[in-house]
Protein backbone atom coordinates (compact mmCIF):
# COMPACT_ATOMS: atom_id res chain seq x y z
CA MET A 1 -25.93 3.12 15.30
CA LYS A 2 -23.53 5.14 17.43
CA ASN A 3 -20.75 4.59 14.93
CA LEU A 4 -22.97 5.77 12.07
CA LYS A 5 -23.76 8.96 13.97
CA ILE A 6 -20.06 9.52 14.62
CA LEU A 7 -19.31 8.84 10.94
CA PHE A 8 -21.84 11.45 9.84
CA LYS A 9 -20.38 13.95 12.32
CA GLY A 10 -16.93 13.14 10.98
CA LEU A 11 -18.14 13.65 7.42
CA ALA A 12 -19.63 17.01 8.38
CA LEU A 13 -16.37 18.03 10.07
CA ALA A 14 -14.29 16.90 7.07
CA PHE A 15 -16.53 18.75 4.59
CA LYS A 16 -16.43 21.83 6.81
CA ASN A 17 -12.63 21.72 6.84
CA LEU A 18 -11.67 21.30 3.20
CA ALA A 19 -8.66 23.60 3.59
CA PRO A 20 -6.38 20.90 5.12
CA ALA A 21 -7.16 18.55 2.22
CA VAL A 22 -6.39 21.31 -0.30
CA ARG A 23 -3.09 22.03 1.44
CA LEU A 24 -2.17 18.34 1.53
CA TRP A 25 -2.97 18.00 -2.18
CA THR A 26 -0.94 21.12 -3.06
CA VAL A 27 2.14 20.05 -1.12
CA ASN A 28 1.96 16.50 -2.52
CA LEU A 29 1.64 17.83 -6.08
CA LEU A 30 4.65 20.12 -5.69
CA PHE A 31 6.67 17.34 -4.06
CA SER A 32 5.76 14.90 -6.86
CA ILE A 33 6.85 17.41 -9.51
CA LEU A 34 10.19 17.99 -7.81
CA VAL A 35 10.86 14.26 -7.47
CA ALA A 36 9.64 13.24 -10.93
CA ALA A 37 11.16 16.11 -12.91
CA PRO A 38 14.74 14.70 -13.18
CA LEU A 39 13.51 11.28 -14.34
CA VAL A 40 11.06 12.77 -16.84
CA PHE A 41 13.81 15.04 -18.19
CA LEU A 42 16.10 12.02 -18.62
CA MET A 43 13.41 10.01 -20.43
CA MET A 44 12.44 12.88 -22.74
CA ARG A 45 16.10 13.50 -23.55
CA HIS A 46 16.44 9.87 -24.55
CA MET A 47 13.16 9.78 -26.48
CA SER A 48 14.03 12.85 -28.53
CA HIS A 49 16.74 10.82 -30.28
CA SER A 50 14.92 7.51 -30.54
CA PHE A 51 12.15 6.36 -32.90
CA ALA A 52 11.38 3.54 -30.47
CA GLY A 53 11.07 6.12 -27.74
CA GLU A 54 8.44 8.00 -29.72
CA ARG A 55 6.36 4.82 -29.93
CA ALA A 56 6.72 4.42 -26.17
CA LEU A 57 4.76 7.63 -25.72
CA HIS A 58 1.70 5.78 -27.01
CA LYS A 59 2.40 2.25 -25.88
CA LEU A 60 5.13 0.64 -23.80
CA ASP A 61 7.79 -0.74 -26.15
CA ILE A 62 9.98 -3.51 -24.68
CA PHE A 63 12.82 -2.74 -27.12
CA TRP A 64 12.89 0.93 -26.12
CA LEU A 65 12.76 -0.07 -22.45
CA GLY A 66 15.72 -2.43 -22.90
CA ASP A 67 17.65 0.25 -24.75
CA PHE A 68 16.90 2.77 -22.01
CA VAL A 69 17.97 0.40 -19.20
CA TYR A 70 21.18 -0.60 -21.02
CA ARG A 71 22.14 3.00 -21.72
CA TYR A 72 21.65 4.20 -18.14
CA MET A 73 22.47 1.04 -16.17
CA ASN A 74 25.48 2.76 -14.59
CA MET A 75 23.10 5.27 -13.06
CA ALA A 76 21.02 2.56 -11.35
CA PRO A 77 22.64 3.02 -7.89
CA ALA A 78 22.17 6.78 -8.05
CA LEU A 79 18.58 6.47 -9.23
CA THR A 80 17.86 3.91 -6.51
CA GLY A 81 19.32 6.26 -3.94
CA LEU A 82 17.20 9.13 -5.27
CA VAL A 83 14.05 6.98 -5.11
CA LEU A 84 14.80 5.92 -1.53
CA LEU A 85 15.56 9.51 -0.59
CA GLY A 86 12.27 10.58 -2.15
CA VAL A 87 10.35 7.94 -0.19
CA ILE A 88 12.01 8.96 3.10
CA LEU A 89 11.38 12.66 2.47
CA PHE A 90 7.75 11.91 1.58
CA LEU A 91 7.23 9.98 4.84
CA VAL A 92 8.82 12.78 6.87
CA LEU A 93 6.70 15.33 5.01
CA SER A 94 3.56 13.32 5.81
CA VAL A 95 4.51 13.27 9.50
CA PHE A 96 5.00 17.05 9.37
CA LEU A 97 1.64 17.72 7.67
CA ASN A 98 -0.33 15.48 10.04
CA GLY A 99 0.21 18.02 12.80
CA GLY A 100 -1.52 20.76 10.81
CA VAL A 101 -4.48 18.54 9.90
CA ILE A 102 -5.11 17.32 13.44
CA GLY A 103 -4.53 20.77 14.93
CA GLN A 104 -7.15 22.35 12.68
CA LEU A 105 -9.69 19.57 13.28
CA ILE A 106 -9.37 19.80 17.05
CA LEU A 107 -10.05 23.56 17.08
CA PRO A 108 -11.59 24.25 13.65
CA GLU A 109 -12.96 27.70 14.50
CA ASP A 110 -9.70 29.01 15.96
CA LYS A 111 -7.24 27.76 13.35
CA THR A 112 -8.22 28.54 9.78
CA SER A 113 -5.26 30.42 8.30
CA LEU A 114 -2.31 28.94 6.45
CA GLY A 115 -0.01 30.27 9.15
CA ASP A 116 -1.97 28.43 11.85
CA PHE A 117 -1.79 25.24 9.80
CA TYR A 118 1.99 25.30 9.46
CA TYR A 119 2.39 26.45 13.06
CA ASP A 120 0.67 23.23 14.19
CA CYS A 121 2.80 21.25 11.72
CA GLY A 122 5.92 22.50 13.47
CA LEU A 123 4.43 22.34 16.98
CA TYR A 124 3.65 18.63 16.83
CA PHE A 125 6.38 17.52 14.43
CA TRP A 126 8.92 16.15 16.94
CA ARG A 127 6.28 14.28 18.90
CA PHE A 128 4.87 12.77 15.72
CA PHE A 129 8.36 12.04 14.37
CA ARG A 130 9.30 10.10 17.51
CA LEU A 131 6.03 8.23 17.15
CA PHE A 132 6.87 7.54 13.49
CA LEU A 133 10.22 6.02 14.49
CA LEU A 134 8.42 3.90 17.07
CA SER A 135 5.87 2.75 14.47
CA ILE A 136 8.50 1.33 12.11
CA PRO A 137 9.38 -1.73 14.27
CA VAL A 138 5.70 -2.19 15.09
CA TYR A 139 4.79 -2.43 11.40
CA LEU A 140 7.72 -4.79 10.86
CA ILE A 141 6.46 -7.04 13.67
CA VAL A 142 2.93 -6.99 12.28
CA VAL A 143 4.05 -7.85 8.74
CA GLY A 144 6.96 -10.11 9.66
CA ILE A 145 5.55 -12.05 12.65
CA PHE A 146 1.79 -11.67 13.16
CA TYR A 147 0.88 -11.99 9.49
CA PRO A 148 3.00 -15.14 8.83
CA LEU A 149 1.45 -16.78 11.91
CA LEU A 150 -2.05 -15.93 10.74
CA LYS A 151 -1.14 -17.04 7.22
CA ALA A 152 0.10 -20.41 8.51
CA PHE A 153 -3.11 -20.85 10.49
CA LEU A 154 -5.30 -20.12 7.45
CA GLU A 155 -3.31 -22.51 5.27
CA LEU A 156 -4.22 -25.38 7.60
CA PHE A 157 -7.71 -25.26 6.06
CA SER A 158 -6.42 -25.62 2.49
CA HIS A 159 -4.21 -28.69 3.03
CA ARG A 160 -5.55 -31.88 1.50
CA ALA A 161 -8.49 -30.01 0.03
CA PRO A 162 -10.40 -32.08 -2.57
CA THR A 163 -10.90 -29.03 -4.85
CA GLU A 164 -9.15 -25.76 -5.57
CA TRP A 165 -11.88 -23.68 -3.92
CA PRO A 166 -10.51 -23.87 -0.34
CA ALA A 167 -7.08 -22.77 -1.59
CA LEU A 168 -8.65 -19.87 -3.50
CA ILE A 169 -10.68 -18.79 -0.47
CA VAL A 170 -7.64 -19.03 1.82
CA SER A 171 -5.60 -16.96 -0.66
CA ASN A 172 -8.18 -14.17 -0.53
CA LEU A 173 -8.40 -14.44 3.25
CA ARG A 174 -4.63 -14.03 3.52
CA LEU A 175 -4.78 -10.71 1.67
CA LEU A 176 -7.80 -9.61 3.69
CA SER A 177 -6.10 -10.53 6.97
CA LEU A 178 -3.02 -8.49 6.04
CA LEU A 179 -5.18 -5.47 5.22
CA LEU A 180 -7.09 -5.82 8.49
CA LEU A 181 -3.88 -6.05 10.51
CA LEU A 182 -2.59 -2.91 8.80
CA THR A 183 -5.85 -1.05 9.49
CA ILE A 184 -5.61 -1.91 13.20
CA THR A 185 -2.03 -0.67 13.34
CA ALA A 186 -2.79 2.52 11.41
CA MET A 187 -5.85 3.21 13.58
CA PHE A 188 -3.85 2.79 16.78
CA PHE A 189 -1.17 5.28 15.76
CA ASP A 190 -3.83 7.74 14.57
CA TYR A 191 -5.31 7.78 18.07
CA VAL A 192 -1.87 8.26 19.60
CA LYS A 193 -1.32 11.31 17.36
CA ILE A 194 -4.70 12.75 18.33
CA GLY A 195 -3.91 12.18 22.00
CA LEU A 196 -0.51 13.88 21.70
CA ALA A 197 -2.06 16.91 20.00
CA GLY A 198 -5.40 17.12 21.81
CA ASN A 199 -4.16 16.53 25.34
CA GLY A 200 -0.96 18.52 24.97
CA ARG A 201 1.25 15.68 26.13
CA LYS A 202 4.80 15.38 24.85
CA LYS A 203 5.76 11.94 26.19
CA VAL A 204 5.16 9.55 23.33
CA LEU A 205 5.52 6.30 25.28
CA LYS A 206 3.10 7.51 27.93
CA GLU A 207 0.56 8.42 25.25
CA VAL A 208 1.02 5.01 23.62
CA TRP A 209 0.17 3.36 26.94
CA LEU A 210 -2.86 5.59 27.51
CA THR A 211 -4.07 4.90 23.97
CA LEU A 212 -3.71 1.16 24.55
CA LYS A 213 -5.93 1.49 27.62
CA PHE A 214 -8.42 3.71 25.80
CA LEU A 215 -8.79 1.39 22.79
CA GLY A 216 -8.62 -1.75 24.91
CA ARG A 217 -11.99 -0.89 26.47
CA ARG A 218 -13.69 -0.09 23.17
CA PHE A 219 -11.56 -1.72 20.46
CA PHE A 220 -14.27 -3.17 18.23
CA ARG A 221 -16.30 0.04 18.21
CA ALA A 222 -13.22 2.08 17.28
CA TRP A 223 -12.15 -0.43 14.65
CA GLY A 224 -15.66 -0.63 13.21
CA LEU A 225 -15.71 3.16 12.86
CA PHE A 226 -12.31 3.08 11.14
CA LEU A 227 -13.58 0.49 8.65
CA LEU A 228 -16.72 2.55 7.99
CA ALA A 229 -14.54 5.55 7.13
CA GLY A 230 -12.49 3.21 4.94
CA LEU A 231 -15.63 2.25 3.01
CA VAL A 232 -16.04 5.92 2.05
CA PHE A 233 -12.55 5.86 0.58
CA VAL A 234 -13.31 2.58 -1.24
CA ALA A 235 -16.48 4.10 -2.71
CA LEU A 236 -14.54 7.14 -3.95
CA THR A 237 -11.95 4.83 -5.52
CA ILE A 238 -14.60 2.77 -7.32
CA ILE A 239 -16.21 5.93 -8.72
CA TYR A 240 -12.81 7.18 -9.90
CA LEU A 241 -11.95 3.88 -11.61
CA GLU A 242 -15.32 3.61 -13.34
CA VAL A 243 -15.14 7.15 -14.72
CA ALA A 244 -11.46 6.73 -15.70
CA ARG A 245 -12.33 3.49 -17.50
CA ILE A 246 -14.78 5.17 -19.88
CA MET A 247 -12.61 8.22 -20.55
CA PRO A 248 -10.90 8.14 -23.97
CA LYS A 249 -7.13 7.87 -23.52
CA ASP A 250 -6.03 8.25 -27.15
CA ARG A 251 -7.44 11.70 -27.89
CA PRO A 252 -5.17 14.72 -27.24
CA GLN A 253 -8.12 16.95 -26.31
CA TRP A 254 -8.97 14.59 -23.44
CA VAL A 255 -5.48 14.61 -21.90
CA LEU A 256 -6.16 17.65 -19.74
CA LEU A 257 -9.51 16.27 -18.57
CA VAL A 258 -7.94 12.93 -17.64
CA PHE A 259 -5.19 14.74 -15.73
CA LEU A 260 -7.73 16.85 -13.85
CA TRP A 261 -9.77 13.77 -12.98
CA GLN A 262 -6.65 12.05 -11.66
CA GLN A 263 -5.80 15.09 -9.56
CA PHE A 264 -9.34 15.20 -8.23
CA TYR A 265 -8.97 11.60 -7.07
CA ILE A 266 -5.66 12.45 -5.37
CA PHE A 267 -7.48 15.30 -3.62
CA CYS A 268 -10.18 12.82 -2.53
CA ARG A 269 -7.46 10.60 -1.07
CA GLN A 270 -6.13 13.53 0.95
CA TRP A 271 -9.66 14.39 2.04
CA SER A 272 -10.13 10.77 3.13
CA LYS A 273 -7.13 11.17 5.43
CA VAL A 274 -8.86 14.20 6.95
CA LEU A 275 -12.04 12.11 7.30
CA PHE A 276 -10.22 9.37 9.23
CA PHE A 277 -8.84 11.91 11.70
CA ALA A 278 -12.21 13.67 11.95
CA THR A 279 -14.11 10.48 12.83
CA GLU A 280 -11.45 9.46 15.34
CA ILE A 281 -11.57 12.87 17.01
CA GLU A 282 -15.36 12.64 17.28
CA PHE A 283 -15.03 9.13 18.73
CA MET A 284 -12.59 10.36 21.36
CA LYS A 285 -14.86 13.27 22.27
CA GLN A 286 -17.80 10.93 22.86
CA ASN A 287 -15.66 8.59 24.96
CA GLN A 288 -13.67 11.22 26.79
CA GLU A 289 -11.82 10.09 29.89
CA PRO A 290 -10.19 12.19 32.59
CA THR A 291 -6.82 13.30 31.27
CA GLN A 292 -3.55 13.40 33.09
CA SER A 293 -1.10 16.21 32.76
CA ALA A 294 2.03 15.68 30.72
């Protein structure tokens, strides 16, 4: 029951602070346009001289795709480099924006302007960036060591099975176990970010240790709350998919409506990020411990 109360408080806080979600959506839209524009320009340039390319506008044509790949295969290294650069810049941008979101949620009444938002982005960026660098090997360990061990353990139950059902169940459990491991890791680093911003500490390793102690005493409650917030995101995704499924895709007059619906879902994803932080902040407030100075 406590987690439900915290979830409702987090929902209220997230609805009250829609501005961070709007700013996240705006920045992500502009970034996506900048990254996608060169590739779209290249494809449209190729399509304008190809009958197969015109058909690809309506349905993917394997012959046009092969022609496109053959024609621009020499550009593959450059395009790969641009994609990797785009991914890296997006991750760094996400680290930068997290500071503004958390800063506004911690003191929602005092920080409402766009200037305050970007001030917090810059204020917490280097702390969050050091934490981001620290998180990379942690995620690699989770995916490369913990998950294979858990996968091997689950597969013990499918060996010598008389039917295919145990193997099917184990296959689904493997995917579920990976998702759960990733949620635990993401939750942990969320709390470290909130601790760095809320307590004003700059030492990342010290905050990691304090967060380990904080979550160690109340892990299942914190994780349960994180999963509850995740269910809100899952519900939003199901609603989006159901509405998108019934929308006509072959009528020009519906193109704008489909685009707007897609953008609304992207906004909901950004709002879900705000919701996760909001519930975690409320959880920390209700389990506040004496803080130590940085």
